[in-house]
Amino acid sequence: MSQPNPSRVAITAEAGELIAKLVDRNGPVMFHQSGGCCDGSSPMCYPWVTSSPVTATFCSPR
């Protein structure tokens, strides 16, 4: 039996609307949340940059 393809991230409808506005205004974006204890431990939104080591390793544009 095939397994369902789980979502990597769940968002509310309101969050989806906000993300759509961000993309409309700024182009593709990426979200990053560090596992660290200080700087970067909150989710952050960045413009999509293909040359970033983070995007090249872990992300795909949405």
C-alpha atoms as a PDB file:
ATOM      1  CA  MET A   1       0.000   0.000   0.000  1.00  0.00           C
ATOM      2  CA  SER A   2       1.371   3.456  -0.856  1.00  0.00           C
ATOM      3  CA  GLN A   3       2.002   5.943   1.899  1.00  0.00           C
ATOM      4  CA  PRO A   4       0.459   9.433   1.739  1.00  0.00           C
ATOM      5  CA  ASN A   5       2.831  12.260   0.917  1.00  0.00           C
ATOM      6  CA  PRO A   6       2.819  14.261   4.167  1.00  0.00           C
ATOM      7  CA  SER A   7       3.078  18.029   4.141  1.00  0.00           C
ATOM      8  CA  ARG A   8       6.380  19.349   5.443  1.00  0.00           C
ATOM      9  CA  VAL A   9       4.649  22.398   6.917  1.00  0.00           C
ATOM     10  CA  ALA A  10       1.062  23.051   7.943  1.00  0.00           C
ATOM     11  CA  ILE A  11      -0.310  26.616   7.770  1.00  0.00           C
ATOM     12  CA  THR A  12      -3.633  28.267   8.441  1.00  0.00           C
ATOM     13  CA  ALA A  13      -5.679  29.841   5.653  1.00  0.00           C
ATOM     14  CA  GLU A  14      -4.768  33.279   7.010  1.00  0.00           C
ATOM     15  CA  ALA A  15      -1.045  32.458   6.919  1.00  0.00           C
ATOM     16  CA  GLY A  16      -1.445  31.242   3.332  1.00  0.00           C
ATOM     17  CA  GLU A  17      -3.033  34.551   2.376  1.00  0.00           C
ATOM     18  CA  LEU A  18      -0.189  36.495   4.001  1.00  0.00           C
ATOM     19  CA  ILE A  19       2.437  34.376   2.259  1.00  0.00           C
ATOM     20  CA  ALA A  20       0.666  34.943  -1.074  1.00  0.00           C
ATOM     21  CA  LYS A  21       0.821  38.722  -0.467  1.00  0.00           C
ATOM     22  CA  LEU A  22       4.525  38.517   0.390  1.00  0.00           C
ATOM     23  CA  VAL A  23       5.221  36.577  -2.812  1.00  0.00           C
ATOM     24  CA  ASP A  24       3.123  38.990  -4.909  1.00  0.00           C
ATOM     25  CA  ARG A  25       5.066  41.964  -3.548  1.00  0.00           C
ATOM     26  CA  ASN A  26       8.555  40.466  -3.323  1.00  0.00           C
ATOM     27  CA  GLY A  27       8.773  37.397  -5.518  1.00  0.00           C
ATOM     28  CA  PRO A  28       9.604  33.945  -4.156  1.00  0.00           C
ATOM     29  CA  VAL A  29      10.413  33.733  -0.456  1.00  0.00           C
ATOM     30  CA  MET A  30      11.902  31.176   1.875  1.00  0.00           C
ATOM     31  CA  PHE A  31      11.373  30.556   5.558  1.00  0.00           C
ATOM     32  CA  HIS A  32      14.141  29.443   7.881  1.00  0.00           C
ATOM     33  CA  GLN A  33      14.089  28.449  11.508  1.00  0.00           C
ATOM     34  CA  SER A  34      17.355  27.691  13.221  1.00  0.00           C
ATOM     35  CA  GLY A  35      17.637  25.113  15.939  1.00  0.00           C
ATOM     36  CA  GLY A  36      19.865  27.487  17.882  1.00  0.00           C
ATOM     37  CA  CYS A  37      19.164  29.023  21.243  1.00  0.00           C
ATOM     38  CA  CYS A  38      19.494  32.686  20.344  1.00  0.00           C
ATOM     39  CA  ASP A  39      19.798  34.443  17.002  1.00  0.00           C
ATOM     40  CA  GLY A  40      17.655  32.705  14.422  1.00  0.00           C
ATOM     41  CA  SER A  41      15.569  30.626  16.787  1.00  0.00           C
ATOM     42  CA  SER A  42      12.437  32.427  15.581  1.00  0.00           C
ATOM     43  CA  PRO A  43      11.082  31.679  12.097  1.00  0.00           C
ATOM     44  CA  MET A  44      12.424  34.178   9.558  1.00  0.00           C
ATOM     45  CA  CYS A  45      11.265  35.038   6.047  1.00  0.00           C
ATOM     46  CA  TYR A  46      13.830  35.932   3.375  1.00  0.00           C
ATOM     47  CA  PRO A  47      13.736  36.722  -0.327  1.00  0.00           C
ATOM     48  CA  TRP A  48      14.506  33.590  -2.319  1.00  0.00           C
ATOM     49  CA  VAL A  49      18.233  33.635  -3.087  1.00  0.00           C
ATOM     50  CA  THR A  50      19.514  30.731  -5.140  1.00  0.00           C
ATOM     51  CA  SER A  51      23.110  31.323  -4.114  1.00  0.00           C
ATOM     52  CA  SER A  52      22.406  30.845  -0.401  1.00  0.00           C
ATOM     53  CA  PRO A  53      23.920  27.674   1.117  1.00  0.00           C
ATOM     54  CA  VAL A  54      20.630  27.137   2.971  1.00  0.00           C
ATOM     55  CA  THR A  55      18.455  27.353  -0.157  1.00  0.00           C
ATOM     56  CA  ALA A  56      20.859  25.297  -2.246  1.00  0.00           C
ATOM     57  CA  THR A  57      20.890  22.515   0.353  1.00  0.00           C
ATOM     58  CA  PHE A  58      17.426  22.396   1.888  1.00  0.00           C
ATOM     59  CA  CYS A  59      14.846  24.413  -0.008  1.00  0.00           C
ATOM     60  CA  SER A  60      12.772  24.489  -3.133  1.00  0.00           C
ATOM     61  CA  PRO A  61      10.988  27.653  -4.327  1.00  0.00           C
ATOM     62  CA  ARG A  62       7.270  28.022  -3.713  1.00  0.00           C
END
